[in-house]
Structures are given as C-alpha cells and as structure tokens.
C-alpha cells in the first residue's frame, strides 16, 4: 500500500458495497475528467488477500484505463503476481519439486498466498497443469488441526503479518489543512458526504505521521508525570 500511495493513488479501506461479492477491492478513475485513480478495499483480516487485491486493482488502473478487454481479470491477476514477485526472482527461488511445504518460505519472504504462488508458477512454466491442480486440491483437503478450517479458506501463516492499511488521505488532510483528520472535516471538504461514511474511511487509515508522533509524545508525558515522586521538606 505504501508503494501504491507514493505513486499518488489514494486507498480507502472501508466496509462498503463491492461491485462483485467475490472481490475484496475495486478501482476507479474518478474526478471530472476521469483522471484521478482510487482504490477501495474491504477491511478483511487476511494480509495475503489484502495485499494481492491492491496489486490486482493497480493492474486494472495501469492497463485498463478506458479499455476493458475480455480477459481483463486474468491480465490483472498476472500483473498482481508479477508486481509482488517478479518472474526473474521466481525462477531463481522456485523449488525443484514444488510442494505446499517448500512453498511456505516463499510465501513468508514475498508476502504472497500459496494459491497465488501456485498460479504464478503455472503461468511461468514452473508447474505443469496437472501438478498445479494437485496442489490446489491439497489446499482444499488440508485442515488446520485446531480449527478444522481448510487451507483453501485460511492458509497456514495467516497470522504472519497484520493486514496493511493506508494513510495517504490522513496525511493529505493533516498537511494540507493542518488539522487532525475527523469525519466532520472530511464530510465538509468532500461535498458533505455522510459523516458515518467518512468515519469508516478514517477507521481504515493509519494515523498520519505527525499525529502518531504527537500521540506518542503525549503518552510519554503522561507516563513521566505518573512517575514523579513527591519530595517533602524535613521537619
């Protein structure tokens, strides 16, 4: 998300309706001239899904501005895999005989799900169709011994990292208006969009750097005051 936002693409993480229930995110070219990119994502708890969905939507913005081919979804899938794990590195690090177990280190290193790695390997000729199908079947068959949830629903390593969250909107408000972001403020500058919607937008943002630093400084001040020992003059 940091890389995408540094390229000038705001990301909103909010529990809003998606155009397709199967997707965790969507992207649009907004503004009067349709020249302002925006990505909207659901606040899911899966770091793999969140990260891959943002890369997928970035692919749509890069490749499909005004032109949507019949294979747009497949193109965006392949863009996301390549963006997160370039093919050159994939070929260098791919195990000689891929299994779910020896793909786990690649998952942790490149922050990609096992299912995405299998697709990426298949597209790059590192897995034949039969082997890829077999690995997908294993994802559906294996279960977490504690929850009995299949790996297809929740892969091992789901708790390696926290889901990424954006902060460009919070930073723009703080630096541009020199005010702490609030739902009322966002509502007033956005043409009076509903405050509850703006609160969802803010809830999905990380604090802007200055706000975060100020909050840490305030906490340290409170802690230092609570550690003061009162000295009394001897009688």
Protein backbone atom coordinates (compact mmCIF):
# COMPACT_ATOMS: atom_id res chain seq x y z
CA UNK A 1 0.00 0.00 0.00
CA UNK A 2 2.85 2.38 0.79
CA UNK A 3 4.30 1.89 -2.70
CA UNK A 4 0.92 2.48 -4.36
CA UNK A 5 0.18 5.58 -2.28
CA UNK A 6 3.63 7.03 -3.00
CA UNK A 7 2.65 6.83 -6.68
CA UNK A 8 -0.27 9.16 -5.87
CA UNK A 9 -3.10 6.62 -5.70
CA UNK A 10 -5.26 7.03 -2.57
CA UNK A 11 -6.57 3.84 -0.99
CA UNK A 12 -9.77 3.65 1.03
CA UNK A 13 -10.32 0.68 3.34
CA UNK A 14 -13.97 0.71 4.36
CA UNK A 15 -16.85 -1.71 4.67
CA UNK A 16 -18.75 -0.51 1.59
CA UNK A 17 -20.60 -2.46 -1.06
CA UNK A 18 -18.41 -4.10 -3.67
CA UNK A 19 -19.44 -4.28 -7.35
CA UNK A 20 -18.88 -8.05 -7.15
CA UNK A 21 -19.30 -10.05 -3.94
CA UNK A 22 -16.38 -12.28 -4.95
CA UNK A 23 -13.92 -9.38 -4.87
CA UNK A 24 -12.25 -7.71 -1.90
CA UNK A 25 -11.48 -4.45 -3.74
CA UNK A 26 -12.30 -2.32 -6.77
CA UNK A 27 -10.66 0.62 -8.54
CA UNK A 28 -12.00 3.63 -10.45
CA UNK A 29 -10.78 6.65 -12.37
CA UNK A 30 -12.67 9.44 -10.58
CA UNK A 31 -12.90 13.21 -10.95
CA UNK A 32 -14.49 15.45 -13.57
CA UNK A 33 -12.03 14.25 -16.22
CA UNK A 34 -11.71 10.65 -15.00
CA UNK A 35 -8.03 11.20 -14.32
CA UNK A 36 -7.89 10.64 -10.56
CA UNK A 37 -7.20 6.99 -9.59
CA UNK A 38 -8.74 5.48 -6.47
CA UNK A 39 -8.67 2.00 -4.93
CA UNK A 40 -11.33 0.88 -2.42
CA UNK A 41 -10.84 -2.30 -0.38
CA UNK A 42 -12.84 -4.15 2.25
CA UNK A 43 -11.26 -4.33 5.74
CA UNK A 44 -10.62 -8.09 5.63
CA UNK A 45 -8.33 -9.68 8.22
CA UNK A 46 -6.21 -11.58 5.70
CA UNK A 47 -2.90 -9.86 4.95
CA UNK A 48 -2.40 -12.06 1.84
CA UNK A 49 -5.79 -11.20 0.34
CA UNK A 50 -5.47 -7.52 1.16
CA UNK A 51 -2.02 -7.20 -0.38
CA UNK A 52 -2.88 -9.19 -3.52
CA UNK A 53 -6.19 -7.37 -4.06
CA UNK A 54 -4.44 -3.98 -4.02
CA UNK A 55 -1.87 -5.23 -6.56
CA UNK A 56 -4.71 -6.63 -8.70
CA UNK A 57 -6.54 -3.28 -8.73
CA UNK A 58 -3.29 -1.48 -9.51
CA UNK A 59 -3.08 -3.70 -12.59
CA UNK A 60 -6.53 -2.54 -13.72
CA UNK A 61 -5.54 1.12 -13.26
CA UNK A 62 -2.28 0.68 -15.18
CA UNK A 63 -3.61 -1.43 -18.05
CA UNK A 64 -7.33 -0.81 -18.41
CA UNK A 65 -7.89 2.95 -18.31
CA UNK A 66 -10.86 3.35 -20.65
CA UNK A 67 -10.26 -0.02 -22.33
CA UNK A 68 -11.52 -3.22 -20.73
CA UNK A 69 -10.62 -6.35 -22.73
CA UNK A 70 -12.45 -9.63 -22.31
CA UNK A 71 -9.52 -11.09 -20.35
CA UNK A 72 -9.08 -8.04 -18.09
CA UNK A 73 -9.37 -10.08 -14.89
CA UNK A 74 -6.75 -12.57 -16.00
CA UNK A 75 -4.43 -9.73 -17.03
CA UNK A 76 -4.86 -8.08 -13.63
CA UNK A 77 -4.19 -11.41 -11.91
CA UNK A 78 -0.93 -11.87 -13.75
CA UNK A 79 0.03 -8.24 -13.13
CA UNK A 80 -0.52 -8.69 -9.38
CA UNK A 81 1.62 -11.83 -9.25
CA UNK A 82 4.41 -10.21 -11.26
CA UNK A 83 4.25 -6.97 -9.26
CA UNK A 84 4.58 -8.82 -5.95
CA UNK A 85 7.08 -11.47 -7.09
CA UNK A 86 8.97 -10.69 -10.35
CA UNK A 87 9.44 -13.68 -12.64
CA UNK A 88 13.22 -13.46 -12.57
CA UNK A 89 13.29 -13.88 -8.80
CA UNK A 90 10.56 -16.53 -9.01
CA UNK A 91 12.63 -18.70 -11.35
CA UNK A 92 15.74 -18.31 -9.16
CA UNK A 93 13.97 -19.27 -5.93
CA UNK A 94 11.43 -21.83 -7.12
CA UNK A 95 11.99 -25.29 -5.57
CA UNK A 96 12.90 -28.15 -7.91
CA UNK A 97 9.85 -30.16 -6.83
CA UNK A 98 7.20 -27.78 -5.53
CA UNK A 99 5.11 -28.84 -2.54
CA UNK A 100 2.93 -26.80 -0.21
CA UNK A 101 5.57 -27.22 2.49
CA UNK A 102 8.53 -25.90 0.47
CA UNK A 103 6.43 -23.05 -0.94
CA UNK A 104 5.76 -21.73 2.58
CA UNK A 105 9.19 -19.98 2.84
CA UNK A 106 8.44 -18.16 -0.43
CA UNK A 107 5.07 -17.13 0.97
CA UNK A 108 6.71 -15.62 4.02
CA UNK A 109 9.54 -13.95 2.08
CA UNK A 110 7.43 -12.44 -0.72
CA UNK A 111 4.20 -11.93 1.24
CA UNK A 112 2.03 -13.89 -1.20
CA UNK A 113 -0.54 -16.59 -0.60
CA UNK A 114 0.18 -20.18 -1.55
CA UNK A 115 -2.64 -20.11 -4.10
CA UNK A 116 -1.11 -17.04 -5.78
CA UNK A 117 2.29 -18.71 -5.82
CA UNK A 118 0.81 -21.79 -7.49
CA UNK A 119 -0.85 -19.64 -10.17
CA UNK A 120 2.34 -17.66 -10.68
CA UNK A 121 4.43 -20.81 -11.03
CA UNK A 122 1.96 -22.31 -13.52
CA UNK A 123 1.90 -19.15 -15.67
CA UNK A 124 5.69 -19.10 -15.79
CA UNK A 125 6.01 -22.74 -16.79
CA UNK A 126 7.46 -23.88 -13.45
CA UNK A 127 4.44 -26.10 -12.78
CA UNK A 128 2.52 -28.15 -15.31
CA UNK A 129 -1.26 -28.09 -15.24
CA UNK A 130 -1.57 -31.47 -13.52
CA UNK A 131 0.81 -30.55 -10.69
CA UNK A 132 -0.86 -27.16 -10.16
CA UNK A 133 -4.27 -28.84 -9.99
CA UNK A 134 -2.90 -31.32 -7.46
CA UNK A 135 -1.58 -28.55 -5.23
CA UNK A 136 -4.92 -26.73 -5.36
CA UNK A 137 -6.67 -29.96 -4.35
CA UNK A 138 -4.28 -30.28 -1.41
CA UNK A 139 -5.18 -26.74 -0.29
CA UNK A 140 -8.83 -27.80 -0.25
CA UNK A 141 -8.12 -31.08 1.57
CA UNK A 142 -5.72 -30.00 4.30
CA UNK A 143 -7.14 -28.56 7.51
CA UNK A 144 -5.87 -26.57 10.41
CA UNK A 145 -5.67 -29.14 13.24
CA UNK A 146 -7.06 -26.65 15.77
CA UNK A 147 -9.90 -25.01 13.83
CA UNK A 148 -10.55 -27.69 11.18
CA UNK A 149 -10.73 -24.90 8.60
CA UNK A 150 -9.29 -25.93 5.23
CA UNK A 151 -6.13 -24.29 3.91
CA UNK A 152 -8.15 -23.01 0.95
CA UNK A 153 -10.19 -20.88 3.36
CA UNK A 154 -7.35 -19.96 5.74
CA UNK A 155 -3.82 -20.78 4.71
CA UNK A 156 -1.04 -21.53 7.19
CA UNK A 157 0.80 -18.33 8.01
CA UNK A 158 -2.39 -16.29 8.11
CA UNK A 159 -1.06 -14.62 11.26
CA UNK A 160 2.48 -13.92 10.00
CA UNK A 161 1.68 -10.25 9.44
CA UNK A 162 -1.04 -7.70 10.07
CA UNK A 163 -3.11 -6.56 7.07
CA UNK A 164 -1.66 -3.41 5.52
CA UNK A 165 -3.60 -0.19 5.93
CA UNK A 166 -3.30 3.10 4.00
CA UNK A 167 -2.66 6.57 5.37
CA UNK A 168 -2.39 8.91 2.36
CA UNK A 169 -5.79 10.50 2.97
CA UNK A 170 -4.96 11.16 6.62
CA UNK A 171 -1.60 12.63 5.63
CA UNK A 172 -3.14 14.88 2.96
CA UNK A 173 -5.69 16.26 5.42
CA UNK A 174 -3.11 16.86 8.12
CA UNK A 175 -0.51 18.50 5.88
CA UNK A 176 -2.88 20.30 3.54
CA UNK A 177 -5.31 21.65 6.14
CA UNK A 178 -3.04 21.49 9.19
CA UNK A 179 -5.82 19.84 11.14
CA UNK A 180 -6.27 16.44 12.68
CA UNK A 181 -8.46 14.33 10.37
CA UNK A 182 -12.05 13.90 11.53
CA UNK A 183 -15.24 12.58 9.97
CA UNK A 184 -16.85 16.03 10.16
CA UNK A 185 -13.87 17.66 8.45
CA UNK A 186 -13.81 15.08 5.64
CA UNK A 187 -17.56 15.45 5.19
CA UNK A 188 -17.28 19.23 4.86
CA UNK A 189 -14.50 19.16 2.25
CA UNK A 190 -15.94 16.29 0.20
CA UNK A 191 -19.19 17.95 -0.73
CA UNK A 192 -20.89 16.88 2.50
CA UNK A 193 -20.68 13.14 2.09
CA UNK A 194 -22.23 11.37 5.08
CA UNK A 195 -20.17 11.58 8.25
CA UNK A 196 -20.67 7.90 9.03
CA UNK A 197 -19.12 7.02 5.66
CA UNK A 198 -16.23 9.41 6.31
CA UNK A 199 -15.74 7.79 9.72
CA UNK A 200 -15.40 4.42 8.02
CA UNK A 201 -12.78 5.90 5.72
CA UNK A 202 -10.84 7.25 8.70
CA UNK A 203 -11.18 3.99 10.62
CA UNK A 204 -9.39 2.26 7.75
CA UNK A 205 -6.48 4.72 7.75
CA UNK A 206 -3.31 4.53 9.76
CA UNK A 207 -2.62 7.77 11.70
CA UNK A 208 -0.67 10.40 9.81
CA UNK A 209 3.00 10.51 10.94
CA UNK A 210 2.80 13.81 12.82
CA UNK A 211 -0.39 12.79 14.61
CA UNK A 212 1.16 9.46 15.58
CA UNK A 213 4.29 11.20 16.89
CA UNK A 214 2.22 13.71 18.84
CA UNK A 215 0.18 10.91 20.39
CA UNK A 216 3.33 9.01 21.41
CA UNK A 217 4.77 12.23 22.89
CA UNK A 218 1.55 12.82 24.86
CA UNK A 219 1.66 9.27 26.23
CA UNK A 220 5.30 9.73 27.30
CA UNK A 221 4.41 12.99 29.06
CA UNK A 222 1.58 11.30 30.95
CA UNK A 223 3.87 8.41 31.90
CA UNK A 224 6.60 10.76 33.10
CA UNK A 225 4.12 12.70 35.24
CA UNK A 226 2.85 9.50 36.81
CA UNK A 227 6.41 8.54 37.76
CA UNK A 228 7.11 11.76 39.70
CA UNK A 229 7.95 11.15 43.34
CA UNK A 230 6.80 13.90 45.67
CA UNK A 231 9.63 15.19 47.88
CA UNK A 232 8.82 16.66 51.29
CA UNK A 233 10.93 19.06 53.32
CA UNK A 234 12.18 17.54 56.53
CA UNK A 235 10.63 18.98 59.68
